[in-house]
Amino acid sequence: MAFVRRPQGFSKDAARELNAWFETLAGQRLAEHEQQLLSAEFRRLFAPLLVQIGGPVDAIRHSSAAHKLWITPEPMPDSEVGQVNGWAAQLPLAGNIADAVLLMHTLDVTRHPQAVLREAIRILRPGGSLLILGFDPTGWIGIKRSLRLRGQRAPWLRKQRLVDWLALLDCRVEQLQCAGYPKRLATLSAYNAPGAAIYLMRVKKERLIPPNALRQRLRGRLMPLAGSRSQAQVGRSVARDSVVVPFKRRR
């Protein structure tokens, strides 16, 4: 399952290869397991507007949401929900409108996961839920793929890095499930032990964050907004970032 990488934010070729793999016997078995996990999450959510970004299938068709929208880079046939063609890193939606957002393997086929994550949080209303489903690079599928791509950097994200990014964006991880273990290790799913093929993360957006702040925080500038700082804090930050040039007083 060697994904083709392209310079753009979301690779159509990578998405096609992902869809082709899910049509295999192993992919179909994993897809059934993923749908069971997602259906259980959908029953817990109250989401009048549910948006899915990417993914090999329209998994949100099994939810009870009043309005369902699937954003894909190209039209997908035989879909039971409404579709909008667009890039995951540049969503054609206004901010703070979705009650729940599903990233279904979207971060697995992009060169810019930070931009995709930022866009998903942008369209999510405060208090809304973000579901992230992806491959675990430490699992048996990730290990096999790393062996096939020897000498290249694996694009799949580690869960801890994703948790750190979400914390910077004032999003709280409510639940993390690891699944897709081999049959002989199926009991490990109760402990979220290493070796899982996939993970499902449920995240809550804590509050409204301006788009510029999202971009700055993911770039590493973690200073709080000037409007929420006291004058003393602003003065200390200015003094820390300023360069003092000595001068001589005239006699």
Protein backbone atom coordinates (compact mmCIF):
# COMPACT_ATOMS: atom_id res chain seq x y z
CA MET A 1 0.00 0.00 0.00
CA ALA A 2 2.54 2.56 -1.18
CA PHE A 3 0.81 5.91 -1.47
CA VAL A 4 1.97 8.29 -4.20
CA ARG A 5 2.96 11.68 -2.87
CA ARG A 6 2.29 14.93 -4.72
CA PRO A 7 3.19 18.55 -3.91
CA GLN A 8 -0.43 19.65 -3.38
CA GLY A 9 -2.04 19.50 0.03
CA PHE A 10 -4.28 16.53 -0.76
CA SER A 11 -3.10 13.91 -3.20
CA LYS A 12 -5.75 12.46 -5.51
CA ASP A 13 -3.41 9.63 -6.41
CA ALA A 14 -2.88 8.76 -2.75
CA ALA A 15 -6.63 8.80 -2.16
CA ARG A 16 -7.20 6.51 -5.16
CA GLU A 17 -4.63 4.04 -3.88
CA LEU A 18 -6.22 4.15 -0.45
CA ASN A 19 -9.64 3.42 -1.96
CA ALA A 20 -8.19 0.58 -4.04
CA TRP A 21 -6.64 -1.02 -0.96
CA PHE A 22 -9.96 -0.92 0.88
CA GLU A 23 -11.46 -2.96 -1.95
CA THR A 24 -9.14 -5.86 -1.14
CA LEU A 25 -10.16 -8.61 1.29
CA ALA A 26 -8.01 -7.24 4.11
CA GLY A 27 -9.27 -3.72 3.40
CA GLN A 28 -12.91 -4.79 3.49
CA ARG A 29 -12.47 -6.52 6.82
CA LEU A 30 -10.83 -3.46 8.28
CA ALA A 31 -13.51 -1.20 6.78
CA GLU A 32 -16.25 -3.21 8.50
CA HIS A 33 -14.47 -2.85 11.80
CA GLU A 34 -14.04 0.89 11.25
CA GLN A 35 -17.73 1.28 10.47
CA GLN A 36 -18.65 -0.43 13.73
CA LEU A 37 -16.47 1.97 15.69
CA LEU A 38 -17.87 5.00 13.89
CA SER A 39 -21.49 3.87 14.24
CA ALA A 40 -21.01 3.61 18.00
CA GLU A 41 -19.62 7.16 18.07
CA PHE A 42 -22.44 8.50 15.89
CA ARG A 43 -25.00 7.19 18.39
CA ARG A 44 -23.34 9.24 21.14
CA LEU A 45 -23.23 12.46 19.15
CA PHE A 46 -25.93 15.08 18.75
CA ALA A 47 -24.96 16.58 15.42
CA PRO A 48 -27.61 18.28 13.26
CA LEU A 49 -24.82 18.94 10.72
CA LEU A 50 -22.22 16.22 10.29
CA VAL A 51 -19.35 16.78 7.86
CA GLN A 52 -16.99 14.08 6.60
CA ILE A 53 -13.71 15.16 5.03
CA GLY A 54 -12.15 12.59 2.72
CA GLY A 55 -12.33 8.86 3.23
CA PRO A 56 -12.83 5.84 0.98
CA VAL A 57 -16.59 5.57 1.72
CA ASP A 58 -19.37 7.81 2.99
CA ALA A 59 -19.25 6.50 6.55
CA ILE A 60 -21.63 9.20 7.80
CA ARG A 61 -24.57 7.63 5.93
CA HIS A 62 -25.12 5.41 8.99
CA SER A 63 -25.54 8.36 11.34
CA SER A 64 -28.85 9.91 12.40
CA ALA A 65 -27.73 13.47 11.66
CA ALA A 66 -30.35 15.64 9.99
CA HIS A 67 -27.82 17.06 7.51
CA LYS A 68 -24.81 15.13 6.17
CA LEU A 69 -22.10 16.49 3.93
CA TRP A 70 -19.14 14.65 2.39
CA ILE A 71 -16.23 16.74 1.08
CA THR A 72 -14.09 14.88 -1.46
CA PRO A 73 -11.42 15.98 -3.95
CA GLU A 74 -13.43 14.41 -6.79
CA PRO A 75 -16.99 13.04 -7.18
CA MET A 76 -17.58 9.64 -5.59
CA PRO A 77 -20.22 7.44 -7.25
CA ASP A 78 -22.99 5.61 -5.38
CA SER A 79 -22.92 7.99 -2.44
CA GLU A 80 -26.00 8.28 -0.24
CA VAL A 81 -25.15 11.72 1.18
CA GLY A 82 -24.60 15.14 -0.31
CA GLN A 83 -21.16 15.79 -1.79
CA VAL A 84 -19.05 18.89 -2.19
CA ASN A 85 -15.82 18.75 -4.17
CA GLY A 86 -12.97 20.57 -2.48
CA TRP A 87 -9.52 20.27 -0.94
CA ALA A 88 -9.16 19.18 2.65
CA ALA A 89 -6.67 21.99 3.32
CA GLN A 90 -9.04 24.62 1.83
CA LEU A 91 -12.59 23.70 2.75
CA PRO A 92 -15.37 25.54 0.87
CA LEU A 93 -17.35 26.09 4.08
CA ALA A 94 -17.82 28.95 6.51
CA GLY A 95 -16.37 28.77 9.99
CA ASN A 96 -18.12 27.43 13.10
CA ILE A 97 -21.04 25.77 11.32
CA ALA A 98 -20.53 22.01 11.77
CA ASP A 99 -21.66 20.20 14.89
CA ALA A 100 -19.33 17.26 14.20
CA VAL A 101 -16.52 16.63 11.72
CA LEU A 102 -15.04 13.29 10.66
CA LEU A 103 -11.51 13.03 9.29
CA MET A 104 -11.51 9.51 7.84
CA HIS A 105 -7.91 8.66 6.88
CA THR A 106 -7.61 12.23 5.61
CA LEU A 107 -4.42 12.88 7.55
CA ASP A 108 -2.92 9.70 6.07
CA VAL A 109 -2.88 11.00 2.50
CA THR A 110 -1.81 14.62 2.86
CA ARG A 111 1.56 16.34 2.94
CA HIS A 112 0.17 19.12 5.15
CA PRO A 113 -1.67 17.50 8.08
CA GLN A 114 -1.47 20.70 10.12
CA ALA A 115 -3.41 22.64 7.48
CA VAL A 116 -6.05 19.91 7.20
CA LEU A 117 -6.44 19.77 10.97
CA ARG A 118 -6.67 23.56 11.18
CA GLU A 119 -9.43 23.64 8.55
CA ALA A 120 -11.42 20.91 10.27
CA ILE A 121 -11.30 22.83 13.56
CA ARG A 122 -12.17 26.09 11.78
CA ILE A 123 -15.52 24.82 10.47
CA LEU A 124 -16.35 23.12 13.78
CA ARG A 125 -18.47 25.09 16.20
CA PRO A 126 -17.29 25.59 19.80
CA GLY A 127 -18.29 22.54 21.79
CA GLY A 128 -18.49 20.39 18.68
CA SER A 129 -16.82 17.01 18.24
CA LEU A 130 -14.02 16.06 15.89
CA LEU A 131 -13.54 12.38 15.03
CA ILE A 132 -10.14 11.41 13.65
CA LEU A 133 -9.73 7.94 12.16
CA GLY A 134 -6.29 6.98 10.90
CA PHE A 135 -3.67 4.30 10.54
CA ASP A 136 -1.31 3.75 13.44
CA PRO A 137 2.30 3.82 12.14
CA THR A 138 3.36 1.54 15.00
CA GLY A 139 0.77 -1.10 14.11
CA TRP A 140 1.14 -4.15 11.89
CA ILE A 141 -0.11 -2.30 8.79
CA GLY A 142 2.27 0.60 9.47
CA ILE A 143 5.19 -1.77 9.99
CA LYS A 144 4.55 -3.55 6.70
CA ARG A 145 4.33 -0.27 4.85
CA SER A 146 7.54 1.03 6.42
CA LEU A 147 9.36 -2.05 5.22
CA ARG A 148 8.10 -1.51 1.69
CA LEU A 149 9.11 2.15 1.73
CA ARG A 150 12.59 1.58 3.06
CA GLY A 151 14.63 4.77 3.15
CA GLN A 152 11.59 7.07 2.93
CA ARG A 153 9.81 8.95 5.66
CA ALA A 154 6.44 7.46 6.55
CA PRO A 155 3.70 10.12 6.31
CA TRP A 156 1.43 8.60 8.96
CA LEU A 157 1.18 10.60 12.16
CA ARG A 158 1.92 9.25 15.59
CA LYS A 159 -0.92 9.67 18.02
CA GLN A 160 1.12 11.64 20.55
CA ARG A 161 2.11 14.25 17.97
CA LEU A 162 -1.53 14.65 17.02
CA VAL A 163 -2.51 15.04 20.67
CA ASP A 164 0.12 17.77 21.09
CA TRP A 165 -1.18 19.68 18.05
CA LEU A 166 -4.74 19.49 19.33
CA ALA A 167 -3.70 20.80 22.74
CA LEU A 168 -2.18 23.87 21.09
CA LEU A 169 -5.50 24.51 19.38
CA ASP A 170 -7.51 24.42 22.62
CA CYS A 171 -9.04 21.06 21.73
CA ARG A 172 -9.41 18.34 24.32
CA VAL A 173 -9.09 14.64 23.53
CA GLU A 174 -12.10 12.95 25.14
CA GLN A 175 -11.46 9.39 24.03
CA LEU A 176 -8.85 7.36 22.16
CA GLN A 177 -9.54 3.88 20.85
CA CYS A 178 -6.98 1.57 19.27
CA ALA A 179 -8.38 -1.25 17.15
CA GLY A 180 -7.60 -3.58 14.29
CA TYR A 181 -5.32 -5.97 16.16
CA PRO A 182 -4.49 -9.39 14.69
CA LYS A 183 -6.90 -12.09 15.84
CA ARG A 184 -4.45 -13.63 18.29
CA LEU A 185 -4.01 -10.20 19.94
CA ALA A 186 -7.63 -9.04 19.86
CA THR A 187 -7.77 -8.78 23.67
CA LEU A 188 -5.28 -5.90 23.54
CA SER A 189 -7.99 -3.55 22.26
CA ALA A 190 -9.26 -3.14 25.82
CA TYR A 191 -5.90 -1.65 26.85
CA ASN A 192 -5.07 0.49 23.79
CA ALA A 193 -1.79 -1.39 23.59
CA PRO A 194 0.72 -0.84 20.76
CA GLY A 195 0.31 -2.91 17.63
CA ALA A 196 -3.14 -1.71 16.52
CA ALA A 197 -3.83 -1.10 12.84
CA ILE A 198 -6.01 1.99 13.36
CA TYR A 199 -7.00 4.51 16.00
CA LEU A 200 -10.16 6.53 16.53
CA MET A 201 -9.86 9.79 18.44
CA ARG A 202 -12.79 11.88 19.67
CA VAL A 203 -11.89 15.52 20.28
CA LYS A 204 -13.90 18.43 21.63
CA LYS A 205 -13.37 22.01 20.51
CA GLU A 206 -13.26 24.06 23.68
CA ARG A 207 -13.84 27.60 22.44
CA LEU A 208 -13.85 29.94 19.45
CA ILE A 209 -10.36 30.48 18.04
CA PRO A 210 -9.64 33.07 15.32
CA PRO A 211 -8.16 31.53 12.13
CA ASN A 212 -4.95 33.58 12.46
CA ALA A 213 -4.40 32.22 15.96
CA LEU A 214 -4.83 28.66 14.69
CA ARG A 215 -2.19 29.25 12.04
CA GLN A 216 0.24 30.93 14.43
CA ARG A 217 -0.03 28.28 17.10
CA LEU A 218 0.62 25.43 14.69
CA ARG A 219 3.66 27.31 13.40
CA GLY A 220 5.13 27.38 16.87
CA ARG A 221 4.28 30.93 17.98
CA LEU A 222 2.40 30.00 21.12
CA MET A 223 2.03 33.45 22.65
CA PRO A 224 -1.56 34.14 23.78
CA LEU A 225 -3.65 36.74 22.02
CA ALA A 226 -2.81 40.35 22.90
CA GLY A 227 -6.42 41.01 23.89
CA SER A 228 -6.26 38.39 26.64
CA ARG A 229 -2.94 39.55 28.13
CA SER A 230 -2.36 42.07 30.84
CA GLN A 231 -0.13 45.09 30.32
CA ALA A 232 2.60 43.50 32.45
CA GLN A 233 2.55 40.35 30.31
CA VAL A 234 2.74 42.41 27.12
CA GLY A 235 5.64 44.39 28.53
CA ARG A 236 7.56 41.25 29.46
CA SER A 237 7.02 39.71 26.03
CA VAL A 238 8.17 42.90 24.30
CA ALA A 239 11.24 43.12 26.50
CA ARG A 240 12.05 39.46 25.85
CA ASP A 241 11.75 39.82 22.09
CA SER A 242 13.51 43.21 21.83
CA VAL A 243 17.19 43.85 21.30
CA VAL A 244 18.72 46.50 23.59
CA VAL A 245 21.35 48.60 21.83
CA PRO A 246 23.72 50.42 24.24
CA PHE A 247 24.48 54.10 23.60
CA LYS A 248 26.69 56.74 25.08
CA ARG A 249 25.26 59.82 26.72
CA ARG A 250 26.53 63.10 25.35
CA ARG A 251 28.55 65.20 27.71
